Each structure stands twice: as structure tokens, then as C-alpha cells.
Amino acid sequence: MTNKVAIVTGGVQGIGRGIALRLSKDGYSVIINGRTQEKLDKVAEEIKNNNGKVITFVGDVSSKSANEQLEKKAES
């Protein structure tokens, strides 16, 4: 499979962070979602330092509009 993309919600700590890091090491481009840009930036930096590709998205996934925006970001 080429051009693998994964969306990881809650990707700034705990299991979500671990999943994001692992997927990036496995060759996925990762979109990490969280509610705080500063925390997202820290995880994104870690992924980039391991030669991974990452995009951050600030939003609450309990919001329909945030989910729609996240979906659009993943499609682009």
C-alpha cells in the first residue's frame, strides 16, 4: 500500500501518542488531532525528528463540524 495516511485522535498523549509515533515509523503520513496546538506541536516535532510526515489538527472530535474539517484535511 502506498500513500498510507492515518488519522489519530487524541494523538498528544498516552495511547494516541504512541499509536501516532508507531504509525509514522511504519511509513504512514499521520494526522494527529488534539485540543491544544502546543501539545500537538511537541508530538509533531518528535515525529519529524524520526523522518515522519505529520499534520496537526486542533479540534474536538465530539463536534460534527470539527470532524468534517478533519476529514477534509485528510482528503487534501
PDB file of N, CA and C in Angstrom:
ATOM      1  N   MET A   1       0.841  -1.175   0.000  1.00  0.00           N
ATOM      2  CA  MET A   1       0.000   0.000   0.000  1.00  0.00           C
ATOM      3  C   MET A   1       0.888   1.240   0.000  1.00  0.00           C
ATOM      4  N   THR A   2       0.637   2.157  -0.884  1.00  0.00           N
ATOM      5  CA  THR A   2       1.402   3.397  -0.937  1.00  0.00           C
ATOM      6  C   THR A   2       0.525   4.545  -0.474  1.00  0.00           C
ATOM      7  N   ASN A   3       1.168   5.659  -0.150  1.00  0.00           N
ATOM      8  CA  ASN A   3       0.451   6.843   0.312  1.00  0.00           C
ATOM      9  C   ASN A   3      -0.467   6.525   1.484  1.00  0.00           C
ATOM     10  N   LYS A   4       0.057   5.838   2.469  1.00  0.00           N
ATOM     11  CA  LYS A   4      -0.729   5.475   3.636  1.00  0.00           C
ATOM     12  C   LYS A   4      -0.889   6.691   4.531  1.00  0.00           C
ATOM     13  N   VAL A   5      -2.130   6.960   4.920  1.00  0.00           N
ATOM     14  CA  VAL A   5      -2.434   8.082   5.797  1.00  0.00           C
ATOM     15  C   VAL A   5      -3.269   7.562   6.951  1.00  0.00           C
ATOM     16  N   ALA A   6      -2.935   8.003   8.161  1.00  0.00           N
ATOM     17  CA  ALA A   6      -3.698   7.632   9.343  1.00  0.00           C
ATOM     18  C   ALA A   6      -4.096   8.882  10.106  1.00  0.00           C
ATOM     19  N   ILE A   7      -5.318   8.896  10.598  1.00  0.00           N
ATOM     20  CA  ILE A   7      -5.785   9.954  11.477  1.00  0.00           C
ATOM     21  C   ILE A   7      -5.784   9.382  12.887  1.00  0.00           C
ATOM     22  N   VAL A   8      -5.132  10.085  13.793  1.00  0.00           N
ATOM     23  CA  VAL A   8      -5.085   9.645  15.184  1.00  0.00           C
ATOM     24  C   VAL A   8      -5.699  10.745  16.043  1.00  0.00           C
ATOM     25  N   THR A   9      -6.879  10.463  16.586  1.00  0.00           N
ATOM     26  CA  THR A   9      -7.493  11.424  17.500  1.00  0.00           C
ATOM     27  C   THR A   9      -6.903  11.197  18.885  1.00  0.00           C
ATOM     28  N   GLY A  10      -6.818  12.266  19.632  1.00  0.00           N
ATOM     29  CA  GLY A  10      -6.183  12.161  20.944  1.00  0.00           C
ATOM     30  C   GLY A  10      -4.717  11.804  20.823  1.00  0.00           C
ATOM     31  N   GLY A  11      -4.077  12.333  19.800  1.00  0.00           N
ATOM     32  CA  GLY A  11      -2.706  11.954  19.477  1.00  0.00           C
ATOM     33  C   GLY A  11      -1.625  12.687  20.234  1.00  0.00           C
ATOM     34  N   VAL A  12      -1.969  13.366  21.323  1.00  0.00           N
ATOM     35  CA  VAL A  12      -0.956  14.148  22.019  1.00  0.00           C
ATOM     36  C   VAL A  12      -0.418  13.488  23.275  1.00  0.00           C
ATOM     37  N   GLN A  13      -1.062  12.427  23.735  1.00  0.00           N
ATOM     38  CA  GLN A  13      -0.577  11.771  24.947  1.00  0.00           C
ATOM     39  C   GLN A  13      -1.075  10.331  25.002  1.00  0.00           C
ATOM     40  N   GLY A  14      -0.486   9.581  25.877  1.00  0.00           N
ATOM     41  CA  GLY A  14      -0.937   8.219  26.129  1.00  0.00           C
ATOM     42  C   GLY A  14      -0.926   7.322  24.906  1.00  0.00           C
ATOM     43  N   ILE A  15      -1.963   6.517  24.799  1.00  0.00           N
ATOM     44  CA  ILE A  15      -2.067   5.545  23.713  1.00  0.00           C
ATOM     45  C   ILE A  15      -2.094   6.231  22.351  1.00  0.00           C
ATOM     46  N   GLY A  16      -2.820   7.352  22.249  1.00  0.00           N
ATOM     47  CA  GLY A  16      -2.899   8.064  20.978  1.00  0.00           C
ATOM     48  C   GLY A  16      -1.537   8.519  20.484  1.00  0.00           C
ATOM     49  N   ARG A  17      -0.740   9.056  21.384  1.00  0.00           N
ATOM     50  CA  ARG A  17       0.615   9.487  21.030  1.00  0.00           C
ATOM     51  C   ARG A  17       1.440   8.294  20.578  1.00  0.00           C
ATOM     52  N   GLY A  18       1.360   7.204  21.327  1.00  0.00           N
ATOM     53  CA  GLY A  18       2.115   6.003  20.975  1.00  0.00           C
ATOM     54  C   GLY A  18       1.716   5.455  19.615  1.00  0.00           C
ATOM     55  N   ILE A  19       0.417   5.467  19.332  1.00  0.00           N
ATOM     56  CA  ILE A  19      -0.062   4.989  18.033  1.00  0.00           C
ATOM     57  C   ILE A  19       0.453   5.884  16.917  1.00  0.00           C
ATOM     58  N   ALA A  20       0.389   7.200  17.115  1.00  0.00           N
ATOM     59  CA  ALA A  20       0.864   8.142  16.094  1.00  0.00           C
ATOM     60  C   ALA A  20       2.344   7.924  15.796  1.00  0.00           C
ATOM     61  N   LEU A  21       3.142   7.767  16.849  1.00  0.00           N
ATOM     62  CA  LEU A  21       4.579   7.558  16.658  1.00  0.00           C
ATOM     63  C   LEU A  21       4.839   6.247  15.925  1.00  0.00           C
ATOM     64  N   ARG A  22       4.147   5.184  16.296  1.00  0.00           N
ATOM     65  CA  ARG A  22       4.360   3.880  15.672  1.00  0.00           C
ATOM     66  C   ARG A  22       3.948   3.894  14.206  1.00  0.00           C
ATOM     67  N   LEU A  23       2.782   4.475  13.920  1.00  0.00           N
ATOM     68  CA  LEU A  23       2.334   4.531  12.535  1.00  0.00           C
ATOM     69  C   LEU A  23       3.304   5.321  11.664  1.00  0.00           C
ATOM     70  N   SER A  24       3.834   6.412  12.200  1.00  0.00           N
ATOM     71  CA  SER A  24       4.791   7.194  11.413  1.00  0.00           C
ATOM     72  C   SER A  24       6.056   6.389  11.146  1.00  0.00           C
ATOM     73  N   LYS A  25       6.502   5.612  12.128  1.00  0.00           N
ATOM     74  CA  LYS A  25       7.675   4.754  11.921  1.00  0.00           C
ATOM     75  C   LYS A  25       7.399   3.657  10.910  1.00  0.00           C
ATOM     76  N   ASP A  26       6.123   3.270  10.786  1.00  0.00           N
ATOM     77  CA  ASP A  26       5.736   2.244   9.820  1.00  0.00           C
ATOM     78  C   ASP A  26       5.446   2.819   8.431  1.00  0.00           C
ATOM     79  N   GLY A  27       5.744   4.102   8.232  1.00  0.00           N
ATOM     80  CA  GLY A  27       5.632   4.699   6.905  1.00  0.00           C
ATOM     81  C   GLY A  27       4.343   5.444   6.616  1.00  0.00           C
ATOM     82  N   TYR A  28       3.495   5.584   7.605  1.00  0.00           N
ATOM     83  CA  TYR A  28       2.259   6.332   7.403  1.00  0.00           C
ATOM     84  C   TYR A  28       2.511   7.826   7.537  1.00  0.00           C
ATOM     85  N   SER A  29       1.809   8.609   6.733  1.00  0.00           N
ATOM     86  CA  SER A  29       1.684  10.033   6.999  1.00  0.00           C
ATOM     87  C   SER A  29       0.599  10.127   8.060  1.00  0.00           C
ATOM     88  N   VAL A  30       0.854  10.875   9.113  1.00  0.00           N
ATOM     89  CA  VAL A  30      -0.054  10.886  10.249  1.00  0.00           C
ATOM     90  C   VAL A  30      -0.677  12.262  10.420  1.00  0.00           C
ATOM     91  N   ILE A  31      -1.978  12.272  10.617  1.00  0.00           N
ATOM     92  CA  ILE A  31      -2.685  13.485  11.010  1.00  0.00           C
ATOM     93  C   ILE A  31      -3.048  13.277  12.470  1.00  0.00           C
ATOM     94  N   ILE A  32      -2.477  14.112  13.327  1.00  0.00           N
ATOM     95  CA  ILE A  32      -2.788  13.979  14.748  1.00  0.00           C
ATOM     96  C   ILE A  32      -3.756  15.079  15.159  1.00  0.00           C
ATOM     97  N   ASN A  33      -4.725  14.686  15.946  1.00  0.00           N
ATOM     98  CA  ASN A  33      -5.770  15.586  16.405  1.00  0.00           C
ATOM     99  C   ASN A  33      -5.681  15.723  17.914  1.00  0.00           C
ATOM    100  N   GLY A  34      -5.917  16.917  18.374  1.00  0.00           N
ATOM    101  CA  GLY A  34      -5.975  17.199  19.804  1.00  0.00           C
ATOM    102  C   GLY A  34      -6.592  18.561  20.006  1.00  0.00           C
ATOM    103  N   ARG A  35      -6.721  18.961  21.246  1.00  0.00           N
ATOM    104  CA  ARG A  35      -7.371  20.236  21.529  1.00  0.00           C
ATOM    105  C   ARG A  35      -6.393  21.361  21.827  1.00  0.00           C
ATOM    106  N   THR A  36      -5.084  21.053  21.882  1.00  0.00           N
ATOM    107  CA  THR A  36      -4.088  22.066  22.224  1.00  0.00           C
ATOM    108  C   THR A  36      -2.960  22.053  21.198  1.00  0.00           C
ATOM    109  N   GLN A  37      -2.793  23.165  20.498  1.00  0.00           N
ATOM    110  CA  GLN A  37      -1.768  23.235  19.457  1.00  0.00           C
ATOM    111  C   GLN A  37      -0.373  22.988  20.014  1.00  0.00           C
ATOM    112  N   GLU A  38      -0.088  23.536  21.190  1.00  0.00           N
ATOM    113  CA  GLU A  38       1.235  23.368  21.776  1.00  0.00           C
ATOM    114  C   GLU A  38       1.579  21.883  21.974  1.00  0.00           C
ATOM    115  N   LYS A  39       0.642  21.109  22.478  1.00  0.00           N
ATOM    116  CA  LYS A  39       0.879  19.678  22.673  1.00  0.00           C
ATOM    117  C   LYS A  39       1.005  18.956  21.336  1.00  0.00           C
ATOM    118  N   LEU A  40       0.186  19.338  20.374  1.00  0.00           N
ATOM    119  CA  LEU A  40       0.285  18.748  19.039  1.00  0.00           C
ATOM    120  C   LEU A  40       1.657  19.021  18.431  1.00  0.00           C
ATOM    121  N   ASP A  41       2.144  20.245  18.611  1.00  0.00           N
ATOM    122  CA  ASP A  41       3.437  20.616  18.052  1.00  0.00           C
ATOM    123  C   ASP A  41       4.569  19.769  18.629  1.00  0.00           C
ATOM    124  N   LYS A  42       4.493  19.452  19.910  1.00  0.00           N
ATOM    125  CA  LYS A  42       5.533  18.628  20.534  1.00  0.00           C
ATOM    126  C   LYS A  42       5.573  17.232  19.934  1.00  0.00           C
ATOM    127  N   VAL A  43       4.410  16.626  19.741  1.00  0.00           N
ATOM    128  CA  VAL A  43       4.364  15.289  19.147  1.00  0.00           C
ATOM    129  C   VAL A  43       4.775  15.354  17.679  1.00  0.00           C
ATOM    130  N   ALA A  44       4.328  16.397  16.981  1.00  0.00           N
ATOM    131  CA  ALA A  44       4.695  16.556  15.569  1.00  0.00           C
ATOM    132  C   ALA A  44       6.209  16.679  15.415  1.00  0.00           C
ATOM    133  N   GLU A  45       6.835  17.420  16.311  1.00  0.00           N
ATOM    134  CA  GLU A  45       8.292  17.567  16.266  1.00  0.00           C
ATOM    135  C   GLU A  45       8.974  16.209  16.460  1.00  0.00           C
ATOM    136  N   GLU A  46       8.460  15.434  17.376  1.00  0.00           N
ATOM    137  CA  GLU A  46       9.026  14.107  17.621  1.00  0.00           C
ATOM    138  C   GLU A  46       8.905  13.221  16.377  1.00  0.00           C
ATOM    139  N   ILE A  47       7.756  13.290  15.718  1.00  0.00           N
ATOM    140  CA  ILE A  47       7.552  12.500  14.502  1.00  0.00           C
ATOM    141  C   ILE A  47       8.505  12.975  13.402  1.00  0.00           C
ATOM    142  N   LYS A  48       8.614  14.276  13.225  1.00  0.00           N
ATOM    143  CA  LYS A  48       9.505  14.829  12.196  1.00  0.00           C
ATOM    144  C   LYS A  48      10.961  14.486  12.466  1.00  0.00           C
ATOM    145  N   ASN A  49      11.340  14.474  13.740  1.00  0.00           N
ATOM    146  CA  ASN A  49      12.716  14.126  14.099  1.00  0.00           C
ATOM    147  C   ASN A  49      13.048  12.671  13.754  1.00  0.00           C
ATOM    148  N   ASN A  50      12.033  11.850  13.590  1.00  0.00           N
ATOM    149  CA  ASN A  50      12.209  10.458  13.179  1.00  0.00           C
ATOM    150  C   ASN A  50      11.895  10.274  11.691  1.00  0.00           C
ATOM    151  N   ASN A  51      11.992  11.387  10.938  1.00  0.00           N
ATOM    152  CA  ASN A  51      11.765  11.397   9.487  1.00  0.00           C
ATOM    153  C   ASN A  51      10.344  11.040   9.086  1.00  0.00           C
ATOM    154  N   GLY A  52       9.397  11.276   9.970  1.00  0.00           N
ATOM    155  CA  GLY A  52       7.996  11.007   9.655  1.00  0.00           C
ATOM    156  C   GLY A  52       7.305  12.232   9.088  1.00  0.00           C
ATOM    157  N   LYS A  53       6.163  11.995   8.480  1.00  0.00           N
ATOM    158  CA  LYS A  53       5.342  13.071   7.931  1.00  0.00           C
ATOM    159  C   LYS A  53       4.124  13.231   8.820  1.00  0.00           C
ATOM    160  N   VAL A  54       3.845  14.477   9.191  1.00  0.00           N
ATOM    161  CA  VAL A  54       2.759  14.727  10.141  1.00  0.00           C
ATOM    162  C   VAL A  54       2.062  16.046   9.843  1.00  0.00           C
ATOM    163  N   ILE A  55       0.779  16.052  10.082  1.00  0.00           N
ATOM    164  CA  ILE A  55      -0.044  17.253  10.026  1.00  0.00           C
ATOM    165  C   ILE A  55      -0.787  17.308  11.351  1.00  0.00           C
ATOM    166  N   THR A  56      -0.942  18.497  11.907  1.00  0.00           N
ATOM    167  CA  THR A  56      -1.687  18.636  13.150  1.00  0.00           C
ATOM    168  C   THR A  56      -3.054  19.249  12.869  1.00  0.00           C
ATOM    169  N   PHE A  57      -4.000  18.905  13.724  1.00  0.00           N
ATOM    170  CA  PHE A  57      -5.349  19.457  13.598  1.00  0.00           C
ATOM    171  C   PHE A  57      -5.909  19.687  14.994  1.00  0.00           C
ATOM    172  N   VAL A  58      -6.203  20.947  15.300  1.00  0.00           N
ATOM    173  CA  VAL A  58      -6.800  21.293  16.585  1.00  0.00           C
ATOM    174  C   VAL A  58      -8.313  21.222  16.436  1.00  0.00           C
ATOM    175  N   GLY A  59      -8.933  20.435  17.277  1.00  0.00           N
ATOM    176  CA  GLY A  59     -10.381  20.347  17.251  1.00  0.00           C
ATOM    177  C   GLY A  59     -10.885  19.293  18.206  1.00  0.00           C
ATOM    178  N   ASP A  60     -12.124  19.439  18.598  1.00  0.00           N
ATOM    179  CA  ASP A  60     -12.779  18.496  19.491  1.00  0.00           C
ATOM    180  C   ASP A  60     -13.612  17.544  18.647  1.00  0.00           C
ATOM    181  N   VAL A  61     -13.261  16.272  18.639  1.00  0.00           N
ATOM    182  CA  VAL A  61     -13.939  15.314  17.767  1.00  0.00           C
ATOM    183  C   VAL A  61     -15.375  15.024  18.193  1.00  0.00           C
ATOM    184  N   SER A  62     -15.812  15.593  19.298  1.00  0.00           N
ATOM    185  CA  SER A  62     -17.225  15.461  19.648  1.00  0.00           C
ATOM    186  C   SER A  62     -18.073  16.458  18.854  1.00  0.00           C
ATOM    187  N   SER A  63     -17.409  17.347  18.120  1.00  0.00           N
ATOM    188  CA  SER A  63     -18.075  18.345  17.295  1.00  0.00           C
ATOM    189  C   SER A  63     -18.190  17.858  15.855  1.00  0.00           C
ATOM    190  N   LYS A  64     -19.389  17.862  15.332  1.00  0.00           N
ATOM    191  CA  LYS A  64     -19.607  17.427  13.945  1.00  0.00           C
ATOM    192  C   LYS A  64     -18.802  18.282  12.967  1.00  0.00           C
ATOM    193  N   SER A  65     -18.798  19.588  13.165  1.00  0.00           N
ATOM    194  CA  SER A  65     -18.073  20.457  12.228  1.00  0.00           C
ATOM    195  C   SER A  65     -16.568  20.205  12.298  1.00  0.00           C
ATOM    196  N   ALA A  66     -16.049  19.939  13.492  1.00  0.00           N
ATOM    197  CA  ALA A  66     -14.618  19.624  13.611  1.00  0.00           C
ATOM    198  C   ALA A  66     -14.295  18.338  12.876  1.00  0.00           C
ATOM    199  N   ASN A  67     -15.161  17.342  12.972  1.00  0.00           N
ATOM    200  CA  ASN A  67     -14.941  16.092  12.257  1.00  0.00           C
ATOM    201  C   ASN A  67     -14.968  16.288  10.754  1.00  0.00           C
ATOM    202  N   GLU A  68     -15.857  17.130  10.290  1.00  0.00           N
ATOM    203  CA  GLU A  68     -15.925  17.412   8.857  1.00  0.00           C
ATOM    204  C   GLU A  68     -14.652  18.108   8.385  1.00  0.00           C
ATOM    205  N   GLN A  69     -14.152  19.042   9.177  1.00  0.00           N
ATOM    206  CA  GLN A  69     -12.910  19.733   8.826  1.00  0.00           C
ATOM    207  C   GLN A  69     -11.721  18.770   8.838  1.00  0.00           C
ATOM    208  N   LEU A  70     -11.706  17.870   9.806  1.00  0.00           N
ATOM    209  CA  LEU A  70     -10.632  16.871   9.889  1.00  0.00           C
ATOM    210  C   LEU A  70     -10.661  15.961   8.668  1.00  0.00           C
ATOM    211  N   GLU A  71     -11.843  15.570   8.267  1.00  0.00           N
ATOM    212  CA  GLU A  71     -11.993  14.724   7.076  1.00  0.00           C
ATOM    213  C   GLU A  71     -11.477  15.439   5.828  1.00  0.00           C
ATOM    214  N   LYS A  72     -11.804  16.703   5.678  1.00  0.00           N
ATOM    215  CA  LYS A  72     -11.340  17.481   4.519  1.00  0.00           C
ATOM    216  C   LYS A  72      -9.814  17.584   4.523  1.00  0.00           C
ATOM    217  N   LYS A  73      -9.244  17.771   5.701  1.00  0.00           N
ATOM    218  CA  LYS A  73      -7.784  17.873   5.808  1.00  0.00           C
ATOM    219  C   LYS A  73      -7.129  16.554   5.371  1.00  0.00           C
ATOM    220  N   ALA A  74      -7.738  15.444   5.745  1.00  0.00           N
ATOM    221  CA  ALA A  74      -7.198  14.137   5.385  1.00  0.00           C
ATOM    222  C   ALA A  74      -7.304  13.882   3.880  1.00  0.00           C
ATOM    223  N   GLU A  75      -8.328  14.394   3.265  1.00  0.00           N
ATOM    224  CA  GLU A  75      -8.522  14.181   1.826  1.00  0.00           C
ATOM    225  C   GLU A  75      -7.581  15.008   0.976  1.00  0.00           C
ATOM    226  N   SER A  76      -7.061  16.112   1.530  1.00  0.00           N
ATOM    227  CA  SER A  76      -6.206  17.004   0.716  1.00  0.00           C
ATOM    228  C   SER A  76      -4.762  16.593   0.737  1.00  0.00           C
TER     229      SER A  76
END
